[in-house]
Amino acid sequence: MKILIEDKTAVLPAKKYGGTERVIWGLAKELVKLGHEVYLLAKEGSHSDFATVIHYDETKDLKSHIPDNIDVVHLFHSLGKAIDKPYIFTMGGNPSPEQALDINMVFVSKNHAQRYGSKAFVHNGLDWDDYPDPILDNKRNYLHFLAKASWKVKNLFGTAKIALKSGNKLHVMGGKRWTYRNFKRGLKYILNKNIIFHGMVENDKKMEIAQYSKALVFPVVWHEPFGLAITESMYAGCAVFGTKNGSLAELITPEVGFASNNSNEIIKAIREFDYNPKRCHEHAVKYYNSKVMTESYLELYEKVISGKTINPQVPKYIEEANVVPKFT
């Protein structure tokens, strides 16, 4: 099968953060391992030693970039109406009520799909060979936050409150410091020596910090479509404590963490949880790897190549399903 994967907004491979880019890179590598021929449509500067790279030219339309011999196109940023090849479209975010959706749209968690009236989803997987092996039998003596700290929906202040009240230090990956506007939230967090910022971190640094952490604290106040921070943290041997919003209720099983929209319940769970780094690591390796993801996508490729659509009708925003429960 000849497969073109589109990620026209990014340079591949990802050099630092690049959540979606890491998913795409792992997918492409796994497809090649399985004997398929892969083309990557990506931003100028992209390169690969296992796939053919086509650099995206903004002066041309999407269709003109696609070779004639392609069997299926996997889109991540462009709707498929502009091309005449079988295709699927992976939606990684939360579309607004006004946003145009696609009949061949695939979501990244069951909850994500349900909120748009779809049953089509594939959990994100990562190529764990791109990550250093974590130390699983060392002492773990703090908690961590892994997300863009300035993004309000990631709820860094709620994370800080939970960490400190549970009696733990908090290491923040994804932000350098509190911003000026945060002063109104209280100096007890801003000046607290038990909150340590590391800025944006690469894989090696991420694992170096996470492998000494007991858990990721992730009390997001929006419907998280998937949450690579969750699976990356599990891979490092960390439990996960978060809200029940979005995908979290399906990803955070009792064996690897606890989910609640009540901060006091999360604090209690952090204090009482039976931490088992090996169990968390093995859970991520087994369920959230690029091979599992790729096998699921191959089934969908075959479906559209046969002339079928991914969804019986175009997904649509369901207002009641997208209401975010209050975090207390």
C-alpha atoms as a PDB file:
ATOM      1  CA  MET A   1       0.000   0.000   0.000  1.00  0.00           C
ATOM      2  CA  LYS A   2       1.261   3.502  -0.874  1.00  0.00           C
ATOM      3  CA  ILE A   3       0.260   5.952   1.850  1.00  0.00           C
ATOM      4  CA  LEU A   4       0.693   9.718   2.006  1.00  0.00           C
ATOM      5  CA  ILE A   5       0.563  11.284   5.480  1.00  0.00           C
ATOM      6  CA  GLU A   6      -0.063  15.021   5.575  1.00  0.00           C
ATOM      7  CA  ASP A   7       1.328  17.287   8.288  1.00  0.00           C
ATOM      8  CA  LYS A   8       1.895  20.447   6.290  1.00  0.00           C
ATOM      9  CA  THR A   9       2.231  22.739   9.321  1.00  0.00           C
ATOM     10  CA  ALA A  10       5.289  21.115  10.921  1.00  0.00           C
ATOM     11  CA  VAL A  11       8.890  20.165  10.314  1.00  0.00           C
ATOM     12  CA  LEU A  12       9.485  16.432  10.692  1.00  0.00           C
ATOM     13  CA  PRO A  13      10.921  14.854  12.760  1.00  0.00           C
ATOM     14  CA  ALA A  14       9.912  16.890  15.796  1.00  0.00           C
ATOM     15  CA  LYS A  15      12.963  18.355  17.518  1.00  0.00           C
ATOM     16  CA  LYS A  16      11.388  19.333  20.820  1.00  0.00           C
ATOM     17  CA  TYR A  17       7.732  19.102  21.822  1.00  0.00           C
ATOM     18  CA  GLY A  18       5.671  18.172  18.758  1.00  0.00           C
ATOM     19  CA  GLY A  19       2.972  15.900  20.159  1.00  0.00           C
ATOM     20  CA  THR A  20       1.118  15.299  16.880  1.00  0.00           C
ATOM     21  CA  GLU A  21       4.419  15.132  15.023  1.00  0.00           C
ATOM     22  CA  ARG A  22       5.654  12.305  17.268  1.00  0.00           C
ATOM     23  CA  VAL A  23       2.448  10.385  16.603  1.00  0.00           C
ATOM     24  CA  ILE A  24       2.840  10.856  12.838  1.00  0.00           C
ATOM     25  CA  TRP A  25       6.526   9.893  12.927  1.00  0.00           C
ATOM     26  CA  GLY A  26       5.763   6.685  14.816  1.00  0.00           C
ATOM     27  CA  LEU A  27       2.895   5.875  12.454  1.00  0.00           C
ATOM     28  CA  ALA A  28       5.060   6.361   9.370  1.00  0.00           C
ATOM     29  CA  LYS A  29       7.904   4.238  10.740  1.00  0.00           C
ATOM     30  CA  GLU A  30       5.556   1.429  11.699  1.00  0.00           C
ATOM     31  CA  LEU A  31       3.862   1.438   8.304  1.00  0.00           C
ATOM     32  CA  VAL A  32       7.260   1.039   6.635  1.00  0.00           C
ATOM     33  CA  LYS A  33       8.145  -1.815   9.005  1.00  0.00           C
ATOM     34  CA  LEU A  34       4.943  -3.542   7.915  1.00  0.00           C
ATOM     35  CA  GLY A  35       5.976  -3.305   4.270  1.00  0.00           C
ATOM     36  CA  HIS A  36       4.081  -0.227   3.116  1.00  0.00           C
ATOM     37  CA  GLU A  37       5.501   2.692   1.137  1.00  0.00           C
ATOM     38  CA  VAL A  38       5.106   6.021   2.944  1.00  0.00           C
ATOM     39  CA  TYR A  39       5.195   9.591   1.707  1.00  0.00           C
ATOM     40  CA  LEU A  40       5.310  12.475   4.185  1.00  0.00           C
ATOM     41  CA  LEU A  41       3.839  15.805   3.096  1.00  0.00           C
ATOM     42  CA  ALA A  42       5.458  18.219   5.525  1.00  0.00           C
ATOM     43  CA  LYS A  43       6.926  21.676   5.955  1.00  0.00           C
ATOM     44  CA  GLU A  44      10.169  22.733   4.260  1.00  0.00           C
ATOM     45  CA  GLY A  45      13.136  21.414   6.252  1.00  0.00           C
ATOM     46  CA  SER A  46      11.558  18.031   6.934  1.00  0.00           C
ATOM     47  CA  HIS A  47      13.578  14.895   6.229  1.00  0.00           C
ATOM     48  CA  SER A  48      13.354  11.137   6.695  1.00  0.00           C
ATOM     49  CA  ASP A  49      15.558   8.126   6.053  1.00  0.00           C
ATOM     50  CA  PHE A  50      12.630   5.705   5.774  1.00  0.00           C
ATOM     51  CA  ALA A  51       9.941   7.659   3.873  1.00  0.00           C
ATOM     52  CA  THR A  52       9.745   9.927   0.825  1.00  0.00           C
ATOM     53  CA  VAL A  53       9.357  13.546   1.943  1.00  0.00           C
ATOM     54  CA  ILE A  54       7.341  16.012  -0.124  1.00  0.00           C
ATOM     55  CA  HIS A  55       7.779  19.611   0.996  1.00  0.00           C
ATOM     56  CA  TYR A  56       4.525  21.546   1.186  1.00  0.00           C
ATOM     57  CA  ASP A  57       4.329  24.593  -1.078  1.00  0.00           C
ATOM     58  CA  GLU A  58       1.800  27.109   0.245  1.00  0.00           C
ATOM     59  CA  THR A  59       1.370  28.573  -3.239  1.00  0.00           C
ATOM     60  CA  LYS A  60      -0.116  25.291  -4.489  1.00  0.00           C
ATOM     61  CA  ASP A  61      -3.283  23.423  -3.552  1.00  0.00           C
ATOM     62  CA  LEU A  62      -3.224  20.207  -1.548  1.00  0.00           C
ATOM     63  CA  LYS A  63      -4.255  18.007  -4.465  1.00  0.00           C
ATOM     64  CA  SER A  64      -1.233  19.008  -6.568  1.00  0.00           C
ATOM     65  CA  HIS A  65       1.143  17.634  -3.911  1.00  0.00           C
ATOM     66  CA  ILE A  66      -0.247  14.099  -4.039  1.00  0.00           C
ATOM     67  CA  PRO A  67       1.495  11.626  -6.405  1.00  0.00           C
ATOM     68  CA  ASP A  68      -0.790   9.707  -8.775  1.00  0.00           C
ATOM     69  CA  ASN A  69       0.257   6.318  -7.397  1.00  0.00           C
ATOM     70  CA  ILE A  70      -0.944   6.994  -3.838  1.00  0.00           C
ATOM     71  CA  ASP A  71      -3.546   4.495  -2.593  1.00  0.00           C
ATOM     72  CA  VAL A  72      -4.734   6.423   0.468  1.00  0.00           C
ATOM     73  CA  VAL A  73      -4.110   9.807   2.070  1.00  0.00           C
ATOM     74  CA  HIS A  74      -4.011  10.308   5.830  1.00  0.00           C
ATOM     75  CA  LEU A  75      -4.808  13.929   6.652  1.00  0.00           C
ATOM     76  CA  PHE A  76      -4.092  15.733   9.919  1.00  0.00           C
ATOM     77  CA  HIS A  77      -4.666  19.383   8.970  1.00  0.00           C
ATOM     78  CA  SER A  78      -6.685  19.483   5.730  1.00  0.00           C
ATOM     79  CA  LEU A  79     -10.215  18.281   5.064  1.00  0.00           C
ATOM     80  CA  GLY A  80     -10.468  15.694   2.316  1.00  0.00           C
ATOM     81  CA  LYS A  81     -12.961  17.470   0.083  1.00  0.00           C
ATOM     82  CA  ALA A  82     -10.115  18.996  -1.928  1.00  0.00           C
ATOM     83  CA  ILE A  83      -8.639  15.667  -3.088  1.00  0.00           C
ATOM     84  CA  ASP A  84      -9.832  12.778  -5.252  1.00  0.00           C
ATOM     85  CA  LYS A  85      -8.075   9.919  -3.431  1.00  0.00           C
ATOM     86  CA  PRO A  86      -9.386   7.656  -0.665  1.00  0.00           C
ATOM     87  CA  TYR A  87      -8.551   9.403   2.609  1.00  0.00           C
ATOM     88  CA  ILE A  88      -9.095   9.618   6.337  1.00  0.00           C
ATOM     89  CA  PHE A  89      -8.762  12.691   8.540  1.00  0.00           C
ATOM     90  CA  THR A  90      -7.519  12.477  12.135  1.00  0.00           C
ATOM     91  CA  MET A  91      -8.987  15.224  14.303  1.00  0.00           C
ATOM     92  CA  GLY A  92      -6.636  16.001  17.159  1.00  0.00           C
ATOM     93  CA  GLY A  93      -8.450  18.958  18.716  1.00  0.00           C
ATOM     94  CA  ASN A  94     -11.945  19.926  19.828  1.00  0.00           C
ATOM     95  CA  PRO A  95     -13.783  21.430  16.836  1.00  0.00           C
ATOM     96  CA  SER A  96     -16.079  24.359  17.588  1.00  0.00           C
ATOM     97  CA  PRO A  97     -19.805  24.216  16.741  1.00  0.00           C
ATOM     98  CA  GLU A  98     -19.119  26.264  13.587  1.00  0.00           C
ATOM     99  CA  GLN A  99     -16.156  24.240  12.344  1.00  0.00           C
ATOM    100  CA  ALA A 100     -16.633  22.116   9.225  1.00  0.00           C
ATOM    101  CA  LEU A 101     -16.205  18.393   9.893  1.00  0.00           C
ATOM    102  CA  ASP A 102     -15.586  15.487   7.530  1.00  0.00           C
ATOM    103  CA  ILE A 103     -17.397  12.214   6.923  1.00  0.00           C
ATOM    104  CA  ASN A 104     -14.035  10.400   7.053  1.00  0.00           C
ATOM    105  CA  MET A 105     -13.052  11.999  10.333  1.00  0.00           C
ATOM    106  CA  VAL A 106     -11.372   9.814  12.978  1.00  0.00           C
ATOM    107  CA  PHE A 107     -11.098  10.938  16.588  1.00  0.00           C
ATOM    108  CA  VAL A 108      -8.375  10.122  19.121  1.00  0.00           C
ATOM    109  CA  SER A 109     -10.448   8.703  21.987  1.00  0.00           C
ATOM    110  CA  LYS A 110     -13.867   7.163  22.498  1.00  0.00           C
ATOM    111  CA  ASN A 111     -15.062  10.195  24.451  1.00  0.00           C
ATOM    112  CA  HIS A 112     -13.714  12.514  21.757  1.00  0.00           C
ATOM    113  CA  ALA A 113     -15.720  10.678  19.095  1.00  0.00           C
ATOM    114  CA  GLN A 114     -18.902  10.489  21.179  1.00  0.00           C
ATOM    115  CA  ARG A 115     -18.945  14.245  21.682  1.00  0.00           C
ATOM    116  CA  TYR A 116     -19.355  14.601  17.904  1.00  0.00           C
ATOM    117  CA  GLY A 117     -21.763  11.728  17.348  1.00  0.00           C
ATOM    118  CA  SER A 118     -19.119   9.340  15.998  1.00  0.00           C
ATOM    119  CA  LYS A 119     -17.871   5.881  16.918  1.00  0.00           C
ATOM    120  CA  ALA A 120     -14.621   6.181  14.940  1.00  0.00           C
ATOM    121  CA  PHE A 121     -11.520   6.649  17.069  1.00  0.00           C
ATOM    122  CA  VAL A 122      -7.926   5.481  17.293  1.00  0.00           C
ATOM    123  CA  HIS A 123      -5.906   6.084  20.449  1.00  0.00           C
ATOM    124  CA  ASN A 124      -2.623   7.871  19.856  1.00  0.00           C
ATOM    125  CA  GLY A 125       0.445   5.666  20.048  1.00  0.00           C
ATOM    126  CA  LEU A 126       4.126   6.532  20.293  1.00  0.00           C
ATOM    127  CA  ASP A 127       7.296   4.813  19.175  1.00  0.00           C
ATOM    128  CA  TRP A 128       8.813   4.077  22.575  1.00  0.00           C
ATOM    129  CA  ASP A 129      12.147   3.340  20.910  1.00  0.00           C
ATOM    130  CA  ASP A 130      12.433   7.126  20.527  1.00  0.00           C
ATOM    131  CA  TYR A 131      12.387   7.460  24.326  1.00  0.00           C
ATOM    132  CA  PRO A 132      15.145   6.471  26.755  1.00  0.00           C
ATOM    133  CA  ASP A 133      14.417   3.513  29.004  1.00  0.00           C
ATOM    134  CA  PRO A 134      13.213   4.901  32.341  1.00  0.00           C
ATOM    135  CA  ILE A 135      14.587   3.794  35.698  1.00  0.00           C
ATOM    136  CA  LEU A 136      11.683   2.027  37.381  1.00  0.00           C
ATOM    137  CA  ASP A 137      13.140   0.958  40.746  1.00  0.00           C
ATOM    138  CA  ASN A 138      14.460   4.316  41.965  1.00  0.00           C
ATOM    139  CA  LYS A 139      13.085   6.507  44.720  1.00  0.00           C
ATOM    140  CA  ARG A 140      10.325   8.859  43.588  1.00  0.00           C
ATOM    141  CA  ASN A 141       9.761  11.893  45.762  1.00  0.00           C
ATOM    142  CA  TYR A 142       7.726  14.515  43.877  1.00  0.00           C
ATOM    143  CA  LEU A 143       4.887  15.033  41.386  1.00  0.00           C
ATOM    144  CA  HIS A 144       4.991  16.625  37.954  1.00  0.00           C
ATOM    145  CA  PHE A 145       2.981  18.690  35.465  1.00  0.00           C
ATOM    146  CA  LEU A 146       3.476  18.146  31.722  1.00  0.00           C
ATOM    147  CA  ALA A 147       1.678  20.556  29.389  1.00  0.00           C
ATOM    148  CA  LYS A 148       1.839  24.089  28.073  1.00  0.00           C
ATOM    149  CA  ALA A 149       1.755  25.920  31.389  1.00  0.00           C
ATOM    150  CA  SER A 150       0.324  29.139  29.941  1.00  0.00           C
ATOM    151  CA  TRP A 151      -2.731  27.335  28.553  1.00  0.00           C
ATOM    152  CA  LYS A 152      -5.474  27.949  31.115  1.00  0.00           C
ATOM    153  CA  VAL A 153      -7.391  24.732  30.374  1.00  0.00           C
ATOM    154  CA  LYS A 154      -4.382  22.678  31.507  1.00  0.00           C
ATOM    155  CA  ASN A 155      -4.974  24.130  34.983  1.00  0.00           C
ATOM    156  CA  LEU A 156      -1.471  24.609  36.369  1.00  0.00           C
ATOM    157  CA  PHE A 157      -2.820  26.454  39.409  1.00  0.00           C
ATOM    158  CA  GLY A 158      -5.145  23.574  40.217  1.00  0.00           C
ATOM    159  CA  THR A 159      -2.190  21.223  39.825  1.00  0.00           C
ATOM    160  CA  ALA A 160      -0.042  23.320  42.182  1.00  0.00           C
ATOM    161  CA  LYS A 161      -2.799  23.388  44.779  1.00  0.00           C
ATOM    162  CA  ILE A 162      -3.218  19.598  44.644  1.00  0.00           C
ATOM    163  CA  ALA A 163       0.514  18.921  44.793  1.00  0.00           C
ATOM    164  CA  LEU A 164       1.211  21.198  47.736  1.00  0.00           C
ATOM    165  CA  LYS A 165      -1.838  20.090  49.724  1.00  0.00           C
ATOM    166  CA  SER A 166      -0.847  16.459  49.222  1.00  0.00           C
ATOM    167  CA  GLY A 167       2.553  17.275  50.727  1.00  0.00           C
ATOM    168  CA  ASN A 168       4.606  17.032  47.530  1.00  0.00           C
ATOM    169  CA  LYS A 169       6.944  19.173  45.484  1.00  0.00           C
ATOM    170  CA  LEU A 170       5.847  19.873  41.908  1.00  0.00           C
ATOM    171  CA  HIS A 171       8.129  19.858  38.857  1.00  0.00           C
ATOM    172  CA  VAL A 172       6.611  21.777  35.928  1.00  0.00           C
ATOM    173  CA  MET A 173       7.536  20.766  32.381  1.00  0.00           C
ATOM    174  CA  GLY A 174       6.064  23.061  29.743  1.00  0.00           C
ATOM    175  CA  GLY A 175       6.585  26.505  31.239  1.00  0.00           C
ATOM    176  CA  LYS A 176       9.454  28.627  32.567  1.00  0.00           C
ATOM    177  CA  ARG A 177       7.697  30.639  35.268  1.00  0.00           C
ATOM    178  CA  TRP A 178       4.444  32.208  36.392  1.00  0.00           C
ATOM    179  CA  THR A 179       3.447  35.191  34.245  1.00  0.00           C
ATOM    180  CA  TYR A 180       2.693  38.659  35.603  1.00  0.00           C
ATOM    181  CA  ARG A 181      -1.051  38.149  35.305  1.00  0.00           C
ATOM    182  CA  ASN A 182      -0.754  35.171  37.633  1.00  0.00           C
ATOM    183  CA  PHE A 183       0.030  37.396  40.617  1.00  0.00           C
ATOM    184  CA  LYS A 184      -3.670  37.805  41.340  1.00  0.00           C
ATOM    185  CA  ARG A 185      -3.826  34.053  41.976  1.00  0.00           C
ATOM    186  CA  GLY A 186      -1.606  34.343  45.040  1.00  0.00           C
ATOM    187  CA  LEU A 187       2.037  34.615  46.035  1.00  0.00           C
ATOM    188  CA  LYS A 188       1.806  31.311  47.909  1.00  0.00           C
ATOM    189  CA  TYR A 189       2.162  29.573  44.539  1.00  0.00           C
ATOM    190  CA  ILE A 190       4.263  32.083  42.629  1.00  0.00           C
ATOM    191  CA  LEU A 191       7.031  32.282  45.224  1.00  0.00           C
ATOM    192  CA  ASN A 192       6.809  28.730  46.517  1.00  0.00           C
ATOM    193  CA  LYS A 193      10.177  26.986  46.476  1.00  0.00           C
ATOM    194  CA  ASN A 194       8.418  23.623  46.145  1.00  0.00           C
ATOM    195  CA  ILE A 195       7.320  24.440  42.583  1.00  0.00           C
ATOM    196  CA  ILE A 196      10.188  24.012  40.123  1.00  0.00           C
ATOM    197  CA  PHE A 197       9.956  25.096  36.468  1.00  0.00           C
ATOM    198  CA  HIS A 198      11.902  23.386  33.681  1.00  0.00           C
ATOM    199  CA  GLY A 199      10.506  25.101  30.579  1.00  0.00           C
ATOM    200  CA  MET A 200       9.898  23.147  27.362  1.00  0.00           C
ATOM    201  CA  VAL A 201      11.764  19.846  27.488  1.00  0.00           C
ATOM    202  CA  GLU A 202      12.935  17.255  24.958  1.00  0.00           C
ATOM    203  CA  ASN A 203      12.360  13.515  25.381  1.00  0.00           C
ATOM    204  CA  ASP A 204      15.571  12.783  27.271  1.00  0.00           C
ATOM    205  CA  LYS A 205      15.031  15.606  29.748  1.00  0.00           C
ATOM    206  CA  LYS A 206      11.354  14.712  30.063  1.00  0.00           C
ATOM    207  CA  MET A 207      12.199  11.141  31.049  1.00  0.00           C
ATOM    208  CA  GLU A 208      15.013  12.295  33.329  1.00  0.00           C
ATOM    209  CA  ILE A 209      12.531  14.340  35.367  1.00  0.00           C
ATOM    210  CA  ALA A 210       9.525  12.023  35.136  1.00  0.00           C
ATOM    211  CA  GLN A 211      11.392   8.873  36.206  1.00  0.00           C
ATOM    212  CA  TYR A 212      11.868  10.412  39.672  1.00  0.00           C
ATOM    213  CA  SER A 213       8.233  11.508  39.881  1.00  0.00           C
ATOM    214  CA  LYS A 214       5.504   9.528  41.581  1.00  0.00           C
ATOM    215  CA  ALA A 215       2.785  10.835  39.308  1.00  0.00           C
ATOM    216  CA  LEU A 216       1.531  13.247  36.708  1.00  0.00           C
ATOM    217  CA  VAL A 217      -1.111  15.615  38.102  1.00  0.00           C
ATOM    218  CA  PHE A 218      -3.442  16.535  35.245  1.00  0.00           C
ATOM    219  CA  PRO A 219      -6.658  18.251  36.448  1.00  0.00           C
ATOM    220  CA  VAL A 220      -7.576  19.685  33.044  1.00  0.00           C
ATOM    221  CA  VAL A 221     -10.650  21.897  32.866  1.00  0.00           C
ATOM    222  CA  TRP A 222     -11.603  21.120  29.287  1.00  0.00           C
ATOM    223  CA  HIS A 223     -12.416  17.930  27.416  1.00  0.00           C
ATOM    224  CA  GLU A 224      -8.925  16.599  26.648  1.00  0.00           C
ATOM    225  CA  PRO A 225      -9.140  14.821  23.249  1.00  0.00           C
ATOM    226  CA  PHE A 226      -6.372  12.377  24.208  1.00  0.00           C
ATOM    227  CA  GLY A 227      -3.421  13.625  26.252  1.00  0.00           C
ATOM    228  CA  LEU A 228       0.041  12.364  25.273  1.00  0.00           C
ATOM    229  CA  ALA A 229       1.311  13.690  28.611  1.00  0.00           C
ATOM    230  CA  ILE A 230      -0.665  10.873  30.222  1.00  0.00           C
ATOM    231  CA  THR A 231       0.858   8.038  28.237  1.00  0.00           C
ATOM    232  CA  GLU A 232       4.372   9.535  28.294  1.00  0.00           C
ATOM    233  CA  SER A 233       4.159   9.798  32.071  1.00  0.00           C
ATOM    234  CA  MET A 234       2.937   6.224  32.396  1.00  0.00           C
ATOM    235  CA  TYR A 235       5.856   5.120  30.232  1.00  0.00           C
ATOM    236  CA  ALA A 236       8.188   6.814  32.727  1.00  0.00           C
ATOM    237  CA  GLY A 237       6.606   4.723  35.498  1.00  0.00           C
ATOM    238  CA  CYS A 238       4.297   7.420  36.832  1.00  0.00           C
ATOM    239  CA  ALA A 239       0.734   7.102  38.007  1.00  0.00           C
ATOM    240  CA  VAL A 240      -1.728   9.727  36.721  1.00  0.00           C
ATOM    241  CA  PHE A 241      -4.217  11.793  38.721  1.00  0.00           C
ATOM    242  CA  GLY A 242      -6.656  14.015  36.877  1.00  0.00           C
ATOM    243  CA  THR A 243     -10.194  15.055  36.188  1.00  0.00           C
ATOM    244  CA  LYS A 244     -12.727  12.898  34.372  1.00  0.00           C
ATOM    245  CA  ASN A 245     -12.915  15.341  31.475  1.00  0.00           C
ATOM    246  CA  GLY A 246     -12.546  14.142  27.911  1.00  0.00           C
ATOM    247  CA  SER A 247     -10.408  11.064  27.422  1.00  0.00           C
ATOM    248  CA  LEU A 248      -9.123  10.950  31.004  1.00  0.00           C
ATOM    249  CA  ALA A 249     -11.848   8.681  32.342  1.00  0.00           C
ATOM    250  CA  GLU A 250     -10.970   6.016  29.741  1.00  0.00           C
ATOM    251  CA  LEU A 251      -7.174   6.377  29.939  1.00  0.00           C
ATOM    252  CA  ILE A 252      -6.764   6.569  33.719  1.00  0.00           C
ATOM    253  CA  THR A 253      -7.753   3.108  34.930  1.00  0.00           C
ATOM    254  CA  PRO A 254      -7.611   2.218  38.663  1.00  0.00           C
ATOM    255  CA  GLU A 255      -4.386   0.267  38.117  1.00  0.00           C
ATOM    256  CA  VAL A 256      -2.491   3.334  36.930  1.00  0.00           C
ATOM    257  CA  GLY A 257      -4.173   6.269  38.646  1.00  0.00           C
ATOM    258  CA  PHE A 258      -7.319   8.020  39.746  1.00  0.00           C
ATOM    259  CA  ALA A 259      -9.772  10.446  38.091  1.00  0.00           C
ATOM    260  CA  SER A 260     -12.159  12.840  39.823  1.00  0.00           C
ATOM    261  CA  ASN A 261     -13.426  16.383  39.376  1.00  0.00           C
ATOM    262  CA  ASN A 262     -13.033  16.994  43.105  1.00  0.00           C
ATOM    263  CA  SER A 263      -9.574  18.198  44.135  1.00  0.00           C
ATOM    264  CA  ASN A 264      -9.886  16.827  47.677  1.00  0.00           C
ATOM    265  CA  GLU A 265     -10.599  13.349  46.317  1.00  0.00           C
ATOM    266  CA  ILE A 266      -7.513  13.602  44.093  1.00  0.00           C
ATOM    267  CA  ILE A 267      -5.369  14.741  47.043  1.00  0.00           C
ATOM    268  CA  LYS A 268      -6.583  11.796  49.113  1.00  0.00           C
ATOM    269  CA  ALA A 269      -5.866   9.394  46.242  1.00  0.00           C
ATOM    270  CA  ILE A 270      -2.319  10.737  45.819  1.00  0.00           C
ATOM    271  CA  ARG A 271      -1.614  10.093  49.491  1.00  0.00           C
ATOM    272  CA  GLU A 272      -3.096   6.589  49.516  1.00  0.00           C
ATOM    273  CA  PHE A 273      -2.334   5.183  46.040  1.00  0.00           C
ATOM    274  CA  ASP A 274      -0.426   1.923  45.648  1.00  0.00           C
ATOM    275  CA  TYR A 275       2.388   3.180  43.414  1.00  0.00           C
ATOM    276  CA  ASN A 276       3.850   0.608  41.036  1.00  0.00           C
ATOM    277  CA  PRO A 277       6.138   2.170  38.387  1.00  0.00           C
ATOM    278  CA  LYS A 278       6.601  -1.117  36.530  1.00  0.00           C
ATOM    279  CA  ARG A 279       2.851  -1.590  36.175  1.00  0.00           C
ATOM    280  CA  CYS A 280       2.376   1.946  34.806  1.00  0.00           C
ATOM    281  CA  HIS A 281       5.278   1.560  32.380  1.00  0.00           C
ATOM    282  CA  GLU A 282       4.043  -1.779  31.046  1.00  0.00           C
ATOM    283  CA  HIS A 283       0.532  -0.376  30.640  1.00  0.00           C
ATOM    284  CA  ALA A 284       1.796   2.406  28.342  1.00  0.00           C
ATOM    285  CA  VAL A 285       4.063   0.074  26.392  1.00  0.00           C
ATOM    286  CA  LYS A 286       1.266  -2.437  25.811  1.00  0.00           C
ATOM    287  CA  TYR A 287      -1.653  -0.178  24.921  1.00  0.00           C
ATOM    288  CA  TYR A 288      -0.262   3.125  23.625  1.00  0.00           C
ATOM    289  CA  ASN A 289       2.490   2.134  21.216  1.00  0.00           C
ATOM    290  CA  SER A 290       2.744   3.056  17.540  1.00  0.00           C
ATOM    291  CA  LYS A 291       2.199  -0.527  16.348  1.00  0.00           C
ATOM    292  CA  VAL A 292      -1.208  -0.854  18.028  1.00  0.00           C
ATOM    293  CA  MET A 293      -2.203   2.538  16.603  1.00  0.00           C
ATOM    294  CA  THR A 294      -0.934   1.697  13.118  1.00  0.00           C
ATOM    295  CA  GLU A 295      -2.833  -1.586  12.949  1.00  0.00           C
ATOM    296  CA  SER A 296      -6.045   0.282  13.768  1.00  0.00           C
ATOM    297  CA  TYR A 297      -5.374   2.889  11.086  1.00  0.00           C
ATOM    298  CA  LEU A 298      -4.650   0.197   8.492  1.00  0.00           C
ATOM    299  CA  GLU A 299      -8.159  -1.152   8.979  1.00  0.00           C
ATOM    300  CA  LEU A 300      -9.528   2.316   8.284  1.00  0.00           C
ATOM    301  CA  TYR A 301      -7.325   2.752   5.215  1.00  0.00           C
ATOM    302  CA  GLU A 302      -8.705  -0.475   3.801  1.00  0.00           C
ATOM    303  CA  LYS A 303     -12.234   0.677   4.536  1.00  0.00           C
ATOM    304  CA  VAL A 304     -11.980   3.903   2.527  1.00  0.00           C
ATOM    305  CA  ILE A 305     -10.020   2.221  -0.280  1.00  0.00           C
ATOM    306  CA  SER A 306     -12.977  -0.172  -0.650  1.00  0.00           C
ATOM    307  CA  GLY A 307     -15.250   2.826  -1.199  1.00  0.00           C
ATOM    308  CA  LYS A 308     -16.820   3.049   2.248  1.00  0.00           C
ATOM    309  CA  THR A 309     -16.875   6.100   4.502  1.00  0.00           C
ATOM    310  CA  ILE A 310     -15.552   6.146   8.064  1.00  0.00           C
ATOM    311  CA  ASN A 311     -18.791   7.563   9.469  1.00  0.00           C
ATOM    312  CA  PRO A 312     -22.323   6.912   8.168  1.00  0.00           C
ATOM    313  CA  GLN A 313     -22.886  10.667   8.257  1.00  0.00           C
ATOM    314  CA  VAL A 314     -20.763  13.762   8.862  1.00  0.00           C
ATOM    315  CA  PRO A 315     -19.958  14.121  12.592  1.00  0.00           C
ATOM    316  CA  LYS A 316     -21.443  17.143  14.316  1.00  0.00           C
ATOM    317  CA  TYR A 317     -20.895  19.088  17.520  1.00  0.00           C
ATOM    318  CA  ILE A 318     -23.212  17.844  20.298  1.00  0.00           C
ATOM    319  CA  GLU A 319     -23.712  20.711  22.704  1.00  0.00           C
ATOM    320  CA  GLU A 320     -24.748  18.765  25.805  1.00  0.00           C
ATOM    321  CA  ALA A 321     -21.896  16.277  25.382  1.00  0.00           C
ATOM    322  CA  ASN A 322     -19.345  19.091  25.241  1.00  0.00           C
ATOM    323  CA  VAL A 323     -20.320  20.771  28.497  1.00  0.00           C
ATOM    324  CA  VAL A 324     -17.336  20.583  30.859  1.00  0.00           C
ATOM    325  CA  PRO A 325     -18.172  19.543  34.442  1.00  0.00           C
ATOM    326  CA  LYS A 326     -17.055  21.951  37.146  1.00  0.00           C
ATOM    327  CA  PHE A 327     -13.745  21.260  38.887  1.00  0.00           C
ATOM    328  CA  THR A 328     -13.922  21.901  42.618  1.00  0.00           C
END
